[in-house]
Amino acid sequence: MAMVRPFSRDQRTTIIFGMLAFVIVIMVLQLWLLTATMNAYLGGDQRVIVPAALVSLVACALNVGLLRYVWRMERVSR
């Protein structure tokens, strides 16, 4: 069984900043999705609610997955 070598501090910082960039992009897309969905709903189109909610849940799951990766990375480094 191979031994897992923890990342150095500089490597962890680079990984965290990369993940932060992805999280920011996902959050901006979620805010845009909320705005577009509310605009369509208030305009009388109720068909967009379920697809928008599903896409928003996928985006939330991506962010939670990134957070769990960071937690695991920190646990291994200690």
PDB file of N, CA and C in Angstrom:
ATOM      1  N   MET A   1       0.842  -1.166   0.000  1.00  0.00           N
ATOM      2  CA  MET A   1       0.000   0.000   0.000  1.00  0.00           C
ATOM      3  C   MET A   1       0.893   1.237   0.000  1.00  0.00           C
ATOM      4  N   ALA A   2       0.606   2.155  -0.887  1.00  0.00           N
ATOM      5  CA  ALA A   2       1.418   3.368  -1.009  1.00  0.00           C
ATOM      6  C   ALA A   2       1.063   4.347   0.100  1.00  0.00           C
ATOM      7  N   MET A   3       2.082   5.001   0.603  1.00  0.00           N
ATOM      8  CA  MET A   3       1.875   5.993   1.653  1.00  0.00           C
ATOM      9  C   MET A   3       1.530   7.339   1.015  1.00  0.00           C
ATOM     10  N   VAL A   4       0.512   8.005   1.544  1.00  0.00           N
ATOM     11  CA  VAL A   4       0.071   9.284   1.015  1.00  0.00           C
ATOM     12  C   VAL A   4       0.916  10.390   1.631  1.00  0.00           C
ATOM     13  N   ARG A   5       1.589  11.150   0.768  1.00  0.00           N
ATOM     14  CA  ARG A   5       2.394  12.268   1.257  1.00  0.00           C
ATOM     15  C   ARG A   5       1.541  13.525   1.225  1.00  0.00           C
ATOM     16  N   PRO A   6       1.437  14.225   2.350  1.00  0.00           N
ATOM     17  CA  PRO A   6       0.604  15.434   2.367  1.00  0.00           C
ATOM     18  C   PRO A   6       1.207  16.538   1.499  1.00  0.00           C
ATOM     19  N   PHE A   7       0.339  17.415   1.026  1.00  0.00           N
ATOM     20  CA  PHE A   7       0.773  18.557   0.226  1.00  0.00           C
ATOM     21  C   PHE A   7       1.553  19.538   1.097  1.00  0.00           C
ATOM     22  N   SER A   8       2.488  20.244   0.475  1.00  0.00           N
ATOM     23  CA  SER A   8       3.189  21.301   1.202  1.00  0.00           C
ATOM     24  C   SER A   8       2.239  22.490   1.373  1.00  0.00           C
ATOM     25  N   ARG A   9       2.642  23.439   2.191  1.00  0.00           N
ATOM     26  CA  ARG A   9       1.791  24.603   2.446  1.00  0.00           C
ATOM     27  C   ARG A   9       1.556  25.398   1.166  1.00  0.00           C
ATOM     28  N   ASP A  10       2.589  25.576   0.347  1.00  0.00           N
ATOM     29  CA  ASP A  10       2.426  26.307  -0.918  1.00  0.00           C
ATOM     30  C   ASP A  10       1.492  25.572  -1.870  1.00  0.00           C
ATOM     31  N   GLN A  11       1.592  24.259  -1.923  1.00  0.00           N
ATOM     32  CA  GLN A  11       0.705  23.487  -2.787  1.00  0.00           C
ATOM     33  C   GLN A  11      -0.738  23.586  -2.316  1.00  0.00           C
ATOM     34  N   ARG A  12      -0.945  23.495  -1.000  1.00  0.00           N
ATOM     35  CA  ARG A  12      -2.307  23.629  -0.472  1.00  0.00           C
ATOM     36  C   ARG A  12      -2.885  25.005  -0.769  1.00  0.00           C
ATOM     37  N   THR A  13      -2.063  26.047  -0.649  1.00  0.00           N
ATOM     38  CA  THR A  13      -2.538  27.401  -0.927  1.00  0.00           C
ATOM     39  C   THR A  13      -2.968  27.531  -2.385  1.00  0.00           C
ATOM     40  N   THR A  14      -2.188  26.977  -3.294  1.00  0.00           N
ATOM     41  CA  THR A  14      -2.535  27.031  -4.713  1.00  0.00           C
ATOM     42  C   THR A  14      -3.841  26.285  -4.982  1.00  0.00           C
ATOM     43  N   ILE A  15      -3.994  25.123  -4.367  1.00  0.00           N
ATOM     44  CA  ILE A  15      -5.214  24.343  -4.553  1.00  0.00           C
ATOM     45  C   ILE A  15      -6.421  25.101  -4.006  1.00  0.00           C
ATOM     46  N   ILE A  16      -6.280  25.698  -2.839  1.00  0.00           N
ATOM     47  CA  ILE A  16      -7.387  26.443  -2.222  1.00  0.00           C
ATOM     48  C   ILE A  16      -7.793  27.632  -3.089  1.00  0.00           C
ATOM     49  N   PHE A  17      -6.808  28.370  -3.617  1.00  0.00           N
ATOM     50  CA  PHE A  17      -7.139  29.515  -4.473  1.00  0.00           C
ATOM     51  C   PHE A  17      -7.831  29.070  -5.761  1.00  0.00           C
ATOM     52  N   GLY A  18      -7.405  27.954  -6.331  1.00  0.00           N
ATOM     53  CA  GLY A  18      -8.078  27.420  -7.518  1.00  0.00           C
ATOM     54  C   GLY A  18      -9.510  27.034  -7.223  1.00  0.00           C
ATOM     55  N   MET A  19      -9.713  26.372  -6.087  1.00  0.00           N
ATOM     56  CA  MET A  19     -11.071  25.993  -5.695  1.00  0.00           C
ATOM     57  C   MET A  19     -11.927  27.221  -5.415  1.00  0.00           C
ATOM     58  N   LEU A  20     -11.338  28.227  -4.807  1.00  0.00           N
ATOM     59  CA  LEU A  20     -12.071  29.459  -4.529  1.00  0.00           C
ATOM     60  C   LEU A  20     -12.548  30.110  -5.824  1.00  0.00           C
ATOM     61  N   ALA A  21     -11.720  30.067  -6.849  1.00  0.00           N
ATOM     62  CA  ALA A  21     -12.135  30.620  -8.147  1.00  0.00           C
ATOM     63  C   ALA A  21     -13.342  29.851  -8.691  1.00  0.00           C
ATOM     64  N   PHE A  22     -13.315  28.516  -8.583  1.00  0.00           N
ATOM     65  CA  PHE A  22     -14.462  27.725  -9.031  1.00  0.00           C
ATOM     66  C   PHE A  22     -15.704  28.030  -8.208  1.00  0.00           C
ATOM     67  N   VAL A  23     -15.557  28.166  -6.909  1.00  0.00           N
ATOM     68  CA  VAL A  23     -16.701  28.458  -6.040  1.00  0.00           C
ATOM     69  C   VAL A  23     -17.312  29.812  -6.403  1.00  0.00           C
ATOM     70  N   ILE A  24     -16.479  30.803  -6.662  1.00  0.00           N
ATOM     71  CA  ILE A  24     -16.991  32.127  -7.034  1.00  0.00           C
ATOM     72  C   ILE A  24     -17.765  32.054  -8.342  1.00  0.00           C
ATOM     73  N   VAL A  25     -17.231  31.340  -9.330  1.00  0.00           N
ATOM     74  CA  VAL A  25     -17.928  31.199 -10.618  1.00  0.00           C
ATOM     75  C   VAL A  25     -19.260  30.483 -10.422  1.00  0.00           C
ATOM     76  N   ILE A  26     -19.265  29.413  -9.636  1.00  0.00           N
ATOM     77  CA  ILE A  26     -20.510  28.673  -9.398  1.00  0.00           C
ATOM     78  C   ILE A  26     -21.529  29.549  -8.672  1.00  0.00           C
ATOM     79  N   MET A  27     -21.086  30.325  -7.698  1.00  0.00           N
ATOM     80  CA  MET A  27     -22.012  31.196  -6.964  1.00  0.00           C
ATOM     81  C   MET A  27     -22.589  32.292  -7.862  1.00  0.00           C
ATOM     82  N   VAL A  28     -21.764  32.865  -8.717  1.00  0.00           N
ATOM     83  CA  VAL A  28     -22.269  33.880  -9.649  1.00  0.00           C
ATOM     84  C   VAL A  28     -23.291  33.259 -10.593  1.00  0.00           C
ATOM     85  N   LEU A  29     -23.015  32.043 -11.070  1.00  0.00           N
ATOM     86  CA  LEU A  29     -23.983  31.379 -11.935  1.00  0.00           C
ATOM     87  C   LEU A  29     -25.285  31.074 -11.197  1.00  0.00           C
ATOM     88  N   GLN A  30     -25.185  30.711  -9.930  1.00  0.00           N
ATOM     89  CA  GLN A  30     -26.406  30.468  -9.154  1.00  0.00           C
ATOM     90  C   GLN A  30     -27.211  31.754  -8.967  1.00  0.00           C
ATOM     91  N   LEU A  31     -26.528  32.850  -8.709  1.00  0.00           N
ATOM     92  CA  LEU A  31     -27.249  34.122  -8.568  1.00  0.00           C
ATOM     93  C   LEU A  31     -27.920  34.535  -9.876  1.00  0.00           C
ATOM     94  N   TRP A  32     -27.209  34.324 -10.994  1.00  0.00           N
ATOM     95  CA  TRP A  32     -27.807  34.622 -12.299  1.00  0.00           C
ATOM     96  C   TRP A  32     -29.005  33.717 -12.538  1.00  0.00           C
ATOM     97  N   LEU A  33     -28.879  32.438 -12.185  1.00  0.00           N
ATOM     98  CA  LEU A  33     -29.979  31.489 -12.369  1.00  0.00           C
ATOM     99  C   LEU A  33     -31.192  31.898 -11.531  1.00  0.00           C
ATOM    100  N   LEU A  34     -30.955  32.331 -10.310  1.00  0.00           N
ATOM    101  CA  LEU A  34     -32.058  32.786  -9.460  1.00  0.00           C
ATOM    102  C   LEU A  34     -32.750  34.002 -10.074  1.00  0.00           C
ATOM    103  N   THR A  35     -31.961  34.944 -10.556  1.00  0.00           N
ATOM    104  CA  THR A  35     -32.529  36.153 -11.172  1.00  0.00           C
ATOM    105  C   THR A  35     -33.340  35.813 -12.420  1.00  0.00           C
ATOM    106  N   ALA A  36     -32.781  34.974 -13.284  1.00  0.00           N
ATOM    107  CA  ALA A  36     -33.485  34.600 -14.512  1.00  0.00           C
ATOM    108  C   ALA A  36     -34.754  33.803 -14.203  1.00  0.00           C
ATOM    109  N   THR A  37     -34.686  32.935 -13.206  1.00  0.00           N
ATOM    110  CA  THR A  37     -35.854  32.136 -12.836  1.00  0.00           C
ATOM    111  C   THR A  37     -36.960  33.015 -12.250  1.00  0.00           C
ATOM    112  N   MET A  38     -36.578  33.939 -11.379  1.00  0.00           N
ATOM    113  CA  MET A  38     -37.588  34.837 -10.812  1.00  0.00           C
ATOM    114  C   MET A  38     -38.207  35.716 -11.893  1.00  0.00           C
ATOM    115  N   ASN A  39     -37.402  36.180 -12.828  1.00  0.00           N
ATOM    116  CA  ASN A  39     -37.914  36.997 -13.925  1.00  0.00           C
ATOM    117  C   ASN A  39     -38.915  36.198 -14.763  1.00  0.00           C
ATOM    118  N   ALA A  40     -38.581  34.946 -15.074  1.00  0.00           N
ATOM    119  CA  ALA A  40     -39.497  34.113 -15.861  1.00  0.00           C
ATOM    120  C   ALA A  40     -40.763  33.785 -15.069  1.00  0.00           C
ATOM    121  N   TYR A  41     -40.605  33.469 -13.794  1.00  0.00           N
ATOM    122  CA  TYR A  41     -41.760  33.131 -12.967  1.00  0.00           C
ATOM    123  C   TYR A  41     -42.709  34.319 -12.829  1.00  0.00           C
ATOM    124  N   LEU A  42     -42.145  35.499 -12.570  1.00  0.00           N
ATOM    125  CA  LEU A  42     -42.996  36.682 -12.438  1.00  0.00           C
ATOM    126  C   LEU A  42     -43.621  37.083 -13.775  1.00  0.00           C
ATOM    127  N   GLY A  43     -43.017  36.620 -14.874  1.00  0.00           N
ATOM    128  CA  GLY A  43     -43.595  36.865 -16.195  1.00  0.00           C
ATOM    129  C   GLY A  43     -44.649  35.849 -16.572  1.00  0.00           C
ATOM    130  N   GLY A  44     -44.886  34.872 -15.696  1.00  0.00           N
ATOM    131  CA  GLY A  44     -45.957  33.912 -15.945  1.00  0.00           C
ATOM    132  C   GLY A  44     -45.483  32.545 -16.420  1.00  0.00           C
ATOM    133  N   ASP A  45     -44.197  32.320 -16.560  1.00  0.00           N
ATOM    134  CA  ASP A  45     -43.684  31.037 -17.026  1.00  0.00           C
ATOM    135  C   ASP A  45     -43.282  30.190 -15.824  1.00  0.00           C
ATOM    136  N   GLN A  46     -44.123  29.221 -15.484  1.00  0.00           N
ATOM    137  CA  GLN A  46     -43.849  28.383 -14.321  1.00  0.00           C
ATOM    138  C   GLN A  46     -43.091  27.109 -14.670  1.00  0.00           C
ATOM    139  N   ARG A  47     -42.823  26.871 -15.940  1.00  0.00           N
ATOM    140  CA  ARG A  47     -42.120  25.657 -16.353  1.00  0.00           C
ATOM    141  C   ARG A  47     -40.639  25.678 -16.005  1.00  0.00           C
ATOM    142  N   VAL A  48     -40.081  26.826 -15.699  1.00  0.00           N
ATOM    143  CA  VAL A  48     -38.649  26.928 -15.448  1.00  0.00           C
ATOM    144  C   VAL A  48     -38.272  26.648 -13.996  1.00  0.00           C
ATOM    145  N   ILE A  49     -39.241  26.524 -13.123  1.00  0.00           N
ATOM    146  CA  ILE A  49     -38.946  26.400 -11.697  1.00  0.00           C
ATOM    147  C   ILE A  49     -38.211  25.099 -11.383  1.00  0.00           C
ATOM    148  N   VAL A  50     -38.726  23.972 -11.849  1.00  0.00           N
ATOM    149  CA  VAL A  50     -38.121  22.678 -11.517  1.00  0.00           C
ATOM    150  C   VAL A  50     -36.736  22.523 -12.139  1.00  0.00           C
ATOM    151  N   PRO A  51     -36.548  22.807 -13.437  1.00  0.00           N
ATOM    152  CA  PRO A  51     -35.192  22.687 -13.990  1.00  0.00           C
ATOM    153  C   PRO A  51     -34.188  23.611 -13.303  1.00  0.00           C
ATOM    154  N   ALA A  52     -34.610  24.812 -12.977  1.00  0.00           N
ATOM    155  CA  ALA A  52     -33.705  25.744 -12.301  1.00  0.00           C
ATOM    156  C   ALA A  52     -33.345  25.237 -10.907  1.00  0.00           C
ATOM    157  N   ALA A  53     -34.308  24.665 -10.209  1.00  0.00           N
ATOM    158  CA  ALA A  53     -34.035  24.116  -8.879  1.00  0.00           C
ATOM    159  C   ALA A  53     -33.065  22.939  -8.970  1.00  0.00           C
ATOM    160  N   LEU A  54     -33.216  22.094  -9.975  1.00  0.00           N
ATOM    161  CA  LEU A  54     -32.305  20.958 -10.145  1.00  0.00           C
ATOM    162  C   LEU A  54     -30.882  21.420 -10.453  1.00  0.00           C
ATOM    163  N   VAL A  55     -30.753  22.407 -11.324  1.00  0.00           N
ATOM    164  CA  VAL A  55     -29.427  22.930 -11.648  1.00  0.00           C
ATOM    165  C   VAL A  55     -28.805  23.592 -10.425  1.00  0.00           C
ATOM    166  N   SER A  56     -29.606  24.284  -9.652  1.00  0.00           N
ATOM    167  CA  SER A  56     -29.101  24.914  -8.444  1.00  0.00           C
ATOM    168  C   SER A  56     -28.644  23.868  -7.423  1.00  0.00           C
ATOM    169  N   LEU A  57     -29.359  22.762  -7.323  1.00  0.00           N
ATOM    170  CA  LEU A  57     -28.943  21.682  -6.424  1.00  0.00           C
ATOM    171  C   LEU A  57     -27.628  21.046  -6.877  1.00  0.00           C
ATOM    172  N   VAL A  58     -27.445  20.900  -8.174  1.00  0.00           N
ATOM    173  CA  VAL A  58     -26.184  20.370  -8.701  1.00  0.00           C
ATOM    174  C   VAL A  58     -25.041  21.325  -8.369  1.00  0.00           C
ATOM    175  N   ALA A  59     -25.266  22.610  -8.537  1.00  0.00           N
ATOM    176  CA  ALA A  59     -24.235  23.599  -8.211  1.00  0.00           C
ATOM    177  C   ALA A  59     -23.904  23.566  -6.724  1.00  0.00           C
ATOM    178  N   CYS A  60     -24.907  23.416  -5.905  1.00  0.00           N
ATOM    179  CA  CYS A  60     -24.685  23.316  -4.454  1.00  0.00           C
ATOM    180  C   CYS A  60     -23.889  22.052  -4.131  1.00  0.00           C
ATOM    181  N   ALA A  61     -24.205  20.949  -4.786  1.00  0.00           N
ATOM    182  CA  ALA A  61     -23.476  19.702  -4.560  1.00  0.00           C
ATOM    183  C   ALA A  61     -22.007  19.839  -4.975  1.00  0.00           C
ATOM    184  N   LEU A  62     -21.747  20.568  -6.050  1.00  0.00           N
ATOM    185  CA  LEU A  62     -20.356  20.812  -6.454  1.00  0.00           C
ATOM    186  C   LEU A  62     -19.604  21.586  -5.374  1.00  0.00           C
ATOM    187  N   ASN A  63     -20.228  22.607  -4.846  1.00  0.00           N
ATOM    188  CA  ASN A  63     -19.583  23.393  -3.786  1.00  0.00           C
ATOM    189  C   ASN A  63     -19.361  22.564  -2.522  1.00  0.00           C
ATOM    190  N   VAL A  64     -20.318  21.737  -2.162  1.00  0.00           N
ATOM    191  CA  VAL A  64     -20.161  20.872  -0.986  1.00  0.00           C
ATOM    192  C   VAL A  64     -19.043  19.860  -1.226  1.00  0.00           C
ATOM    193  N   GLY A  65     -18.959  19.328  -2.440  1.00  0.00           N
ATOM    194  CA  GLY A  65     -17.883  18.398  -2.770  1.00  0.00           C
ATOM    195  C   GLY A  65     -16.511  19.046  -2.665  1.00  0.00           C
ATOM    196  N   LEU A  66     -16.394  20.279  -3.129  1.00  0.00           N
ATOM    197  CA  LEU A  66     -15.123  20.994  -2.994  1.00  0.00           C
ATOM    198  C   LEU A  66     -14.782  21.243  -1.529  1.00  0.00           C
ATOM    199  N   LEU A  67     -15.773  21.578  -0.729  1.00  0.00           N
ATOM    200  CA  LEU A  67     -15.541  21.802   0.698  1.00  0.00           C
ATOM    201  C   LEU A  67     -15.082  20.519   1.381  1.00  0.00           C
ATOM    202  N   ARG A  68     -15.704  19.399   1.047  1.00  0.00           N
ATOM    203  CA  ARG A  68     -15.297  18.121   1.636  1.00  0.00           C
ATOM    204  C   ARG A  68     -13.873  17.761   1.237  1.00  0.00           C
ATOM    205  N   TYR A  69     -13.483  18.070  -0.009  1.00  0.00           N
ATOM    206  CA  TYR A  69     -12.111  17.812  -0.439  1.00  0.00           C
ATOM    207  C   TYR A  69     -11.121  18.628   0.391  1.00  0.00           C
ATOM    208  N   VAL A  70     -11.462  19.876   0.659  1.00  0.00           N
ATOM    209  CA  VAL A  70     -10.580  20.720   1.469  1.00  0.00           C
ATOM    210  C   VAL A  70     -10.457  20.156   2.880  1.00  0.00           C
ATOM    211  N   TRP A  71     -11.566  19.717   3.459  1.00  0.00           N
ATOM    212  CA  TRP A  71     -11.519  19.132   4.798  1.00  0.00           C
ATOM    213  C   TRP A  71     -10.625  17.893   4.829  1.00  0.00           C
ATOM    214  N   ARG A  72     -10.775  17.016   3.799  1.00  0.00           N
ATOM    215  CA  ARG A  72      -9.937  15.815   3.749  1.00  0.00           C
ATOM    216  C   ARG A  72      -8.466  16.171   3.560  1.00  0.00           C
ATOM    217  N   MET A  73      -8.201  17.165   2.736  1.00  0.00           N
ATOM    218  CA  MET A  73      -6.822  17.583   2.492  1.00  0.00           C
ATOM    219  C   MET A  73      -6.194  18.112   3.781  1.00  0.00           C
ATOM    220  N   GLU A  74      -6.955  18.861   4.558  1.00  0.00           N
ATOM    221  CA  GLU A  74      -6.445  19.378   5.822  1.00  0.00           C
ATOM    222  C   GLU A  74      -6.241  18.255   6.845  1.00  0.00           C
ATOM    223  N   ARG A  75      -7.113  17.277   6.841  1.00  0.00           N
ATOM    224  CA  ARG A  75      -6.989  16.182   7.781  1.00  0.00           C
ATOM    225  C   ARG A  75      -5.744  15.340   7.491  1.00  0.00           C
ATOM    226  N   VAL A  76      -5.416  15.131   6.216  1.00  0.00           N
ATOM    227  CA  VAL A  76      -4.248  14.348   5.830  1.00  0.00           C
ATOM    228  C   VAL A  76      -2.962  15.102   6.174  1.00  0.00           C
ATOM    229  N   SER A  77      -2.987  16.432   6.060  1.00  0.00           N
ATOM    230  CA  SER A  77      -1.773  17.215   6.278  1.00  0.00           C
ATOM    231  C   SER A  77      -1.397  17.295   7.751  1.00  0.00           C
ATOM    232  N   ARG A  78      -2.292  16.984   8.651  1.00  0.00           N
ATOM    233  CA  ARG A  78      -1.981  17.067  10.086  1.00  0.00           C
ATOM    234  C   ARG A  78      -1.336  15.830  10.606  1.00  0.00           C
TER     235      ARG A  78
END
